[in-house]
Amino acid sequence: MTKEKIARINELAKKSKTVGLTSDEATEQKKLRGEYIAEMKNSLKNQLDNIYIKEPDGTVKKARKTQKDN
């Protein structure tokens, strides 16, 4: 995400708290926030995919995905 897009997100957030947004601005804000969240999720996933755990016996294993209990 570019610095300009982040600045625009912040600008729209500030405006929504003060004078309110037009429908076009609200749509733009929703789109930009969606892009930002998608990029953050992707970044976190990439970080988690590269985690290794060192066992007490000295072996190194890649962390694996687990399933949530239902």
PDB file of N, CA and C in Angstrom:
ATOM      1  N   MET A   1       0.847  -1.164   0.000  1.00  0.00           N
ATOM      2  CA  MET A   1       0.000   0.000   0.000  1.00  0.00           C
ATOM      3  C   MET A   1       0.900   1.236   0.000  1.00  0.00           C
ATOM      4  N   THR A   2       0.574   2.159  -0.864  1.00  0.00           N
ATOM      5  CA  THR A   2       1.399   3.354  -0.998  1.00  0.00           C
ATOM      6  C   THR A   2       1.131   4.332   0.140  1.00  0.00           C
ATOM      7  N   LYS A   3       2.091   5.202   0.351  1.00  0.00           N
ATOM      8  CA  LYS A   3       1.942   6.230   1.389  1.00  0.00           C
ATOM      9  C   LYS A   3       0.757   7.148   1.076  1.00  0.00           C
ATOM     10  N   GLU A   4       0.528   7.377  -0.214  1.00  0.00           N
ATOM     11  CA  GLU A   4      -0.575   8.247  -0.618  1.00  0.00           C
ATOM     12  C   GLU A   4      -1.924   7.634  -0.232  1.00  0.00           C
ATOM     13  N   LYS A   5      -2.063   6.317  -0.424  1.00  0.00           N
ATOM     14  CA  LYS A   5      -3.317   5.657  -0.069  1.00  0.00           C
ATOM     15  C   LYS A   5      -3.535   5.668   1.439  1.00  0.00           C
ATOM     16  N   ILE A   6      -2.476   5.444   2.191  1.00  0.00           N
ATOM     17  CA  ILE A   6      -2.592   5.480   3.655  1.00  0.00           C
ATOM     18  C   ILE A   6      -2.956   6.885   4.114  1.00  0.00           C
ATOM     19  N   ALA A   7      -2.343   7.883   3.498  1.00  0.00           N
ATOM     20  CA  ALA A   7      -2.668   9.266   3.840  1.00  0.00           C
ATOM     21  C   ALA A   7      -4.135   9.558   3.517  1.00  0.00           C
ATOM     22  N   ARG A   8      -4.616   9.026   2.409  1.00  0.00           N
ATOM     23  CA  ARG A   8      -6.023   9.235   2.022  1.00  0.00           C
ATOM     24  C   ARG A   8      -6.969   8.555   3.014  1.00  0.00           C
ATOM     25  N   ILE A   9      -6.615   7.346   3.467  1.00  0.00           N
ATOM     26  CA  ILE A   9      -7.423   6.663   4.485  1.00  0.00           C
ATOM     27  C   ILE A   9      -7.522   7.525   5.733  1.00  0.00           C
ATOM     28  N   ASN A  10      -6.388   8.056   6.168  1.00  0.00           N
ATOM     29  CA  ASN A  10      -6.371   8.902   7.365  1.00  0.00           C
ATOM     30  C   ASN A  10      -7.157  10.196   7.162  1.00  0.00           C
ATOM     31  N   GLU A  11      -7.039  10.759   5.980  1.00  0.00           N
ATOM     32  CA  GLU A  11      -7.769  11.990   5.650  1.00  0.00           C
ATOM     33  C   GLU A  11      -9.279  11.747   5.708  1.00  0.00           C
ATOM     34  N   LEU A  12      -9.718  10.643   5.116  1.00  0.00           N
ATOM     35  CA  LEU A  12     -11.148  10.328   5.117  1.00  0.00           C
ATOM     36  C   LEU A  12     -11.645  10.009   6.529  1.00  0.00           C
ATOM     37  N   ALA A  13     -10.823   9.347   7.328  1.00  0.00           N
ATOM     38  CA  ALA A  13     -11.213   9.038   8.709  1.00  0.00           C
ATOM     39  C   ALA A  13     -11.397  10.323   9.509  1.00  0.00           C
ATOM     40  N   LYS A  14     -10.481  11.251   9.336  1.00  0.00           N
ATOM     41  CA  LYS A  14     -10.564  12.528  10.056  1.00  0.00           C
ATOM     42  C   LYS A  14     -11.805  13.305   9.612  1.00  0.00           C
ATOM     43  N   LYS A  15     -12.046  13.321   8.311  1.00  0.00           N
ATOM     44  CA  LYS A  15     -13.198  14.049   7.785  1.00  0.00           C
ATOM     45  C   LYS A  15     -14.507  13.426   8.265  1.00  0.00           C
ATOM     46  N   SER A  16     -14.544  12.082   8.347  1.00  0.00           N
ATOM     47  CA  SER A  16     -15.782  11.424   8.786  1.00  0.00           C
ATOM     48  C   SER A  16     -16.110  11.769  10.234  1.00  0.00           C
ATOM     49  N   LYS A  17     -15.085  12.036  11.031  1.00  0.00           N
ATOM     50  CA  LYS A  17     -15.304  12.388  12.439  1.00  0.00           C
ATOM     51  C   LYS A  17     -15.699  13.847  12.623  1.00  0.00           C
ATOM     52  N   THR A  18     -15.355  14.684  11.648  1.00  0.00           N
ATOM     53  CA  THR A  18     -15.637  16.112  11.796  1.00  0.00           C
ATOM     54  C   THR A  18     -16.895  16.533  11.035  1.00  0.00           C
ATOM     55  N   VAL A  19     -16.828  16.511   9.719  1.00  0.00           N
ATOM     56  CA  VAL A  19     -17.956  17.023   8.924  1.00  0.00           C
ATOM     57  C   VAL A  19     -18.777  15.936   8.239  1.00  0.00           C
ATOM     58  N   GLY A  20     -18.270  14.713   8.235  1.00  0.00           N
ATOM     59  CA  GLY A  20     -18.989  13.624   7.569  1.00  0.00           C
ATOM     60  C   GLY A  20     -18.506  13.432   6.148  1.00  0.00           C
ATOM     61  N   LEU A  21     -18.867  12.281   5.594  1.00  0.00           N
ATOM     62  CA  LEU A  21     -18.433  11.925   4.239  1.00  0.00           C
ATOM     63  C   LEU A  21     -19.612  11.898   3.280  1.00  0.00           C
ATOM     64  N   THR A  22     -19.314  12.200   2.013  1.00  0.00           N
ATOM     65  CA  THR A  22     -20.313  12.018   0.975  1.00  0.00           C
ATOM     66  C   THR A  22     -20.407  10.522   0.677  1.00  0.00           C
ATOM     67  N   SER A  23     -21.399  10.115  -0.069  1.00  0.00           N
ATOM     68  CA  SER A  23     -21.540   8.688  -0.382  1.00  0.00           C
ATOM     69  C   SER A  23     -20.352   8.195  -1.210  1.00  0.00           C
ATOM     70  N   ASP A  24     -19.841   9.034  -2.102  1.00  0.00           N
ATOM     71  CA  ASP A  24     -18.671   8.639  -2.893  1.00  0.00           C
ATOM     72  C   ASP A  24     -17.435   8.465  -2.009  1.00  0.00           C
ATOM     73  N   GLU A  25     -17.263   9.372  -1.064  1.00  0.00           N
ATOM     74  CA  GLU A  25     -16.128   9.283  -0.147  1.00  0.00           C
ATOM     75  C   GLU A  25     -16.256   8.063   0.764  1.00  0.00           C
ATOM     76  N   ALA A  26     -17.460   7.758   1.210  1.00  0.00           N
ATOM     77  CA  ALA A  26     -17.676   6.591   2.059  1.00  0.00           C
ATOM     78  C   ALA A  26     -17.341   5.307   1.287  1.00  0.00           C
ATOM     79  N   THR A  27     -17.725   5.269   0.015  1.00  0.00           N
ATOM     80  CA  THR A  27     -17.408   4.119  -0.829  1.00  0.00           C
ATOM     81  C   THR A  27     -15.902   4.000  -1.012  1.00  0.00           C
ATOM     82  N   GLU A  28     -15.240   5.122  -1.263  1.00  0.00           N
ATOM     83  CA  GLU A  28     -13.781   5.131  -1.423  1.00  0.00           C
ATOM     84  C   GLU A  28     -13.102   4.665  -0.134  1.00  0.00           C
ATOM     85  N   GLN A  29     -13.594   5.140   0.999  1.00  0.00           N
ATOM     86  CA  GLN A  29     -13.018   4.763   2.290  1.00  0.00           C
ATOM     87  C   GLN A  29     -13.139   3.252   2.516  1.00  0.00           C
ATOM     88  N   LYS A  30     -14.305   2.710   2.208  1.00  0.00           N
ATOM     89  CA  LYS A  30     -14.534   1.272   2.382  1.00  0.00           C
ATOM     90  C   LYS A  30     -13.583   0.470   1.491  1.00  0.00           C
ATOM     91  N   LYS A  31     -13.413   0.914   0.240  1.00  0.00           N
ATOM     92  CA  LYS A  31     -12.523   0.227  -0.702  1.00  0.00           C
ATOM     93  C   LYS A  31     -11.071   0.275  -0.219  1.00  0.00           C
ATOM     94  N   LEU A  32     -10.620   1.452   0.206  1.00  0.00           N
ATOM     95  CA  LEU A  32      -9.241   1.600   0.670  1.00  0.00           C
ATOM     96  C   LEU A  32      -8.979   0.780   1.932  1.00  0.00           C
ATOM     97  N   ARG A  33      -9.943   0.783   2.848  1.00  0.00           N
ATOM     98  CA  ARG A  33      -9.785  -0.008   4.070  1.00  0.00           C
ATOM     99  C   ARG A  33      -9.715  -1.496   3.748  1.00  0.00           C
ATOM    100  N   GLY A  34     -10.521  -1.943   2.785  1.00  0.00           N
ATOM    101  CA  GLY A  34     -10.492  -3.338   2.358  1.00  0.00           C
ATOM    102  C   GLY A  34      -9.131  -3.730   1.796  1.00  0.00           C
ATOM    103  N   GLU A  35      -8.566  -2.858   0.966  1.00  0.00           N
ATOM    104  CA  GLU A  35      -7.233  -3.104   0.405  1.00  0.00           C
ATOM    105  C   GLU A  35      -6.190  -3.189   1.507  1.00  0.00           C
ATOM    106  N   TYR A  36      -6.277  -2.255   2.457  1.00  0.00           N
ATOM    107  CA  TYR A  36      -5.315  -2.206   3.560  1.00  0.00           C
ATOM    108  C   TYR A  36      -5.395  -3.481   4.397  1.00  0.00           C
ATOM    109  N   ILE A  37      -6.602  -3.902   4.743  1.00  0.00           N
ATOM    110  CA  ILE A  37      -6.788  -5.104   5.551  1.00  0.00           C
ATOM    111  C   ILE A  37      -6.280  -6.337   4.807  1.00  0.00           C
ATOM    112  N   ALA A  38      -6.562  -6.432   3.513  1.00  0.00           N
ATOM    113  CA  ALA A  38      -6.094  -7.569   2.714  1.00  0.00           C
ATOM    114  C   ALA A  38      -4.564  -7.633   2.703  1.00  0.00           C
ATOM    115  N   GLU A  39      -3.912  -6.494   2.567  1.00  0.00           N
ATOM    116  CA  GLU A  39      -2.452  -6.465   2.569  1.00  0.00           C
ATOM    117  C   GLU A  39      -1.890  -6.839   3.932  1.00  0.00           C
ATOM    118  N   MET A  40      -2.531  -6.386   5.005  1.00  0.00           N
ATOM    119  CA  MET A  40      -2.069  -6.728   6.347  1.00  0.00           C
ATOM    120  C   MET A  40      -2.228  -8.227   6.616  1.00  0.00           C
ATOM    121  N   LYS A  41      -3.345  -8.798   6.195  1.00  0.00           N
ATOM    122  CA  LYS A  41      -3.566 -10.241   6.368  1.00  0.00           C
ATOM    123  C   LYS A  41      -2.520 -11.033   5.594  1.00  0.00           C
ATOM    124  N   ASN A  42      -2.236 -10.618   4.366  1.00  0.00           N
ATOM    125  CA  ASN A  42      -1.246 -11.305   3.544  1.00  0.00           C
ATOM    126  C   ASN A  42       0.142 -11.225   4.174  1.00  0.00           C
ATOM    127  N   SER A  43       0.479 -10.062   4.698  1.00  0.00           N
ATOM    128  CA  SER A  43       1.773  -9.884   5.348  1.00  0.00           C
ATOM    129  C   SER A  43       1.893 -10.777   6.575  1.00  0.00           C
ATOM    130  N   LEU A  44       0.853 -10.830   7.387  1.00  0.00           N
ATOM    131  CA  LEU A  44       0.861 -11.670   8.579  1.00  0.00           C
ATOM    132  C   LEU A  44       0.970 -13.145   8.201  1.00  0.00           C
ATOM    133  N   LYS A  45       0.231 -13.554   7.176  1.00  0.00           N
ATOM    134  CA  LYS A  45       0.288 -14.950   6.719  1.00  0.00           C
ATOM    135  C   LYS A  45       1.702 -15.305   6.282  1.00  0.00           C
ATOM    136  N   ASN A  46       2.349 -14.421   5.550  1.00  0.00           N
ATOM    137  CA  ASN A  46       3.716 -14.672   5.106  1.00  0.00           C
ATOM    138  C   ASN A  46       4.670 -14.795   6.294  1.00  0.00           C
ATOM    139  N   GLN A  47       4.493 -13.961   7.303  1.00  0.00           N
ATOM    140  CA  GLN A  47       5.333 -14.049   8.499  1.00  0.00           C
ATOM    141  C   GLN A  47       5.117 -15.373   9.214  1.00  0.00           C
ATOM    142  N   LEU A  48       3.861 -15.767   9.357  1.00  0.00           N
ATOM    143  CA  LEU A  48       3.555 -17.014  10.048  1.00  0.00           C
ATOM    144  C   LEU A  48       4.051 -18.230   9.280  1.00  0.00           C
ATOM    145  N   ASP A  49       4.050 -18.149   7.961  1.00  0.00           N
ATOM    146  CA  ASP A  49       4.534 -19.255   7.134  1.00  0.00           C
ATOM    147  C   ASP A  49       6.043 -19.452   7.261  1.00  0.00           C
ATOM    148  N   ASN A  50       6.735 -18.479   7.808  1.00  0.00           N
ATOM    149  CA  ASN A  50       8.192 -18.559   7.923  1.00  0.00           C
ATOM    150  C   ASN A  50       8.664 -18.656   9.370  1.00  0.00           C
ATOM    151  N   ILE A  51       7.861 -19.261  10.221  1.00  0.00           N
ATOM    152  CA  ILE A  51       8.233 -19.437  11.623  1.00  0.00           C
ATOM    153  C   ILE A  51       8.785 -20.843  11.811  1.00  0.00           C
ATOM    154  N   TYR A  52       9.920 -20.915  12.449  1.00  0.00           N
ATOM    155  CA  TYR A  52      10.542 -22.196  12.777  1.00  0.00           C
ATOM    156  C   TYR A  52      10.694 -22.286  14.293  1.00  0.00           C
ATOM    157  N   ILE A  53      10.552 -23.509  14.807  1.00  0.00           N
ATOM    158  CA  ILE A  53      10.623 -23.732  16.246  1.00  0.00           C
ATOM    159  C   ILE A  53      11.819 -24.625  16.536  1.00  0.00           C
ATOM    160  N   LYS A  54      12.655 -24.177  17.475  1.00  0.00           N
ATOM    161  CA  LYS A  54      13.802 -24.971  17.879  1.00  0.00           C
ATOM    162  C   LYS A  54      13.394 -25.811  19.081  1.00  0.00           C
ATOM    163  N   GLU A  55      13.481 -27.123  18.925  1.00  0.00           N
ATOM    164  CA  GLU A  55      13.112 -28.062  19.978  1.00  0.00           C
ATOM    165  C   GLU A  55      14.242 -28.153  21.012  1.00  0.00           C
ATOM    166  N   PRO A  56      13.922 -28.618  22.225  1.00  0.00           N
ATOM    167  CA  PRO A  56      14.963 -28.759  23.256  1.00  0.00           C
ATOM    168  C   PRO A  56      16.131 -29.661  22.838  1.00  0.00           C
ATOM    169  N   ASP A  57      15.869 -30.626  21.947  1.00  0.00           N
ATOM    170  CA  ASP A  57      16.951 -31.511  21.512  1.00  0.00           C
ATOM    171  C   ASP A  57      17.823 -30.890  20.419  1.00  0.00           C
ATOM    172  N   GLY A  58      17.496 -29.649  20.016  1.00  0.00           N
ATOM    173  CA  GLY A  58      18.302 -28.928  19.029  1.00  0.00           C
ATOM    174  C   GLY A  58      17.774 -28.984  17.617  1.00  0.00           C
ATOM    175  N   THR A  59      16.777 -29.814  17.356  1.00  0.00           N
ATOM    176  CA  THR A  59      16.224 -29.885  16.007  1.00  0.00           C
ATOM    177  C   THR A  59      15.361 -28.654  15.737  1.00  0.00           C
ATOM    178  N   VAL A  60      15.297 -28.292  14.482  1.00  0.00           N
ATOM    179  CA  VAL A  60      14.504 -27.137  14.073  1.00  0.00           C
ATOM    180  C   VAL A  60      13.385 -27.635  13.167  1.00  0.00           C
ATOM    181  N   LYS A  61      12.155 -27.264  13.508  1.00  0.00           N
ATOM    182  CA  LYS A  61      10.998 -27.686  12.727  1.00  0.00           C
ATOM    183  C   LYS A  61      10.197 -26.475  12.312  1.00  0.00           C
ATOM    184  N   LYS A  62       9.640 -26.584  11.126  1.00  0.00           N
ATOM    185  CA  LYS A  62       8.760 -25.517  10.658  1.00  0.00           C
ATOM    186  C   LYS A  62       7.433 -25.623  11.408  1.00  0.00           C
ATOM    187  N   ALA A  63       6.919 -24.478  11.872  1.00  0.00           N
ATOM    188  CA  ALA A  63       5.622 -24.479  12.552  1.00  0.00           C
ATOM    189  C   ALA A  63       4.563 -24.922  11.564  1.00  0.00           C
ATOM    190  N   ARG A  64       3.589 -25.655  12.038  1.00  0.00           N
ATOM    191  CA  ARG A  64       2.551 -26.160  11.136  1.00  0.00           C
ATOM    192  C   ARG A  64       1.194 -25.582  11.504  1.00  0.00           C
ATOM    193  N   LYS A  65       0.311 -25.624  10.548  1.00  0.00           N
ATOM    194  CA  LYS A  65      -1.037 -25.122  10.757  1.00  0.00           C
ATOM    195  C   LYS A  65      -1.808 -26.084  11.649  1.00  0.00           C
ATOM    196  N   THR A  66      -2.702 -25.558  12.443  1.00  0.00           N
ATOM    197  CA  THR A  66      -3.555 -26.396  13.273  1.00  0.00           C
ATOM    198  C   THR A  66      -5.006 -26.101  12.939  1.00  0.00           C
ATOM    199  N   GLN A  67      -5.869 -27.040  13.222  1.00  0.00           N
ATOM    200  CA  GLN A  67      -7.298 -26.863  12.998  1.00  0.00           C
ATOM    201  C   GLN A  67      -7.951 -26.434  14.304  1.00  0.00           C
ATOM    202  N   LYS A  68      -8.889 -25.510  14.233  1.00  0.00           N
ATOM    203  CA  LYS A  68      -9.650 -25.117  15.412  1.00  0.00           C
ATOM    204  C   LYS A  68     -10.616 -26.228  15.774  1.00  0.00           C
ATOM    205  N   ASP A  69     -10.830 -26.415  17.071  1.00  0.00           N
ATOM    206  CA  ASP A  69     -11.807 -27.401  17.505  1.00  0.00           C
ATOM    207  C   ASP A  69     -13.203 -26.854  17.267  1.00  0.00           C
ATOM    208  N   ASN A  70     -14.124 -27.709  16.818  1.00  0.00           N
ATOM    209  CA  ASN A  70     -15.503 -27.270  16.574  1.00  0.00           C
ATOM    210  C   ASN A  70     -16.390 -27.653  17.717  1.00  0.00           C
TER     211      ASN A  70
END
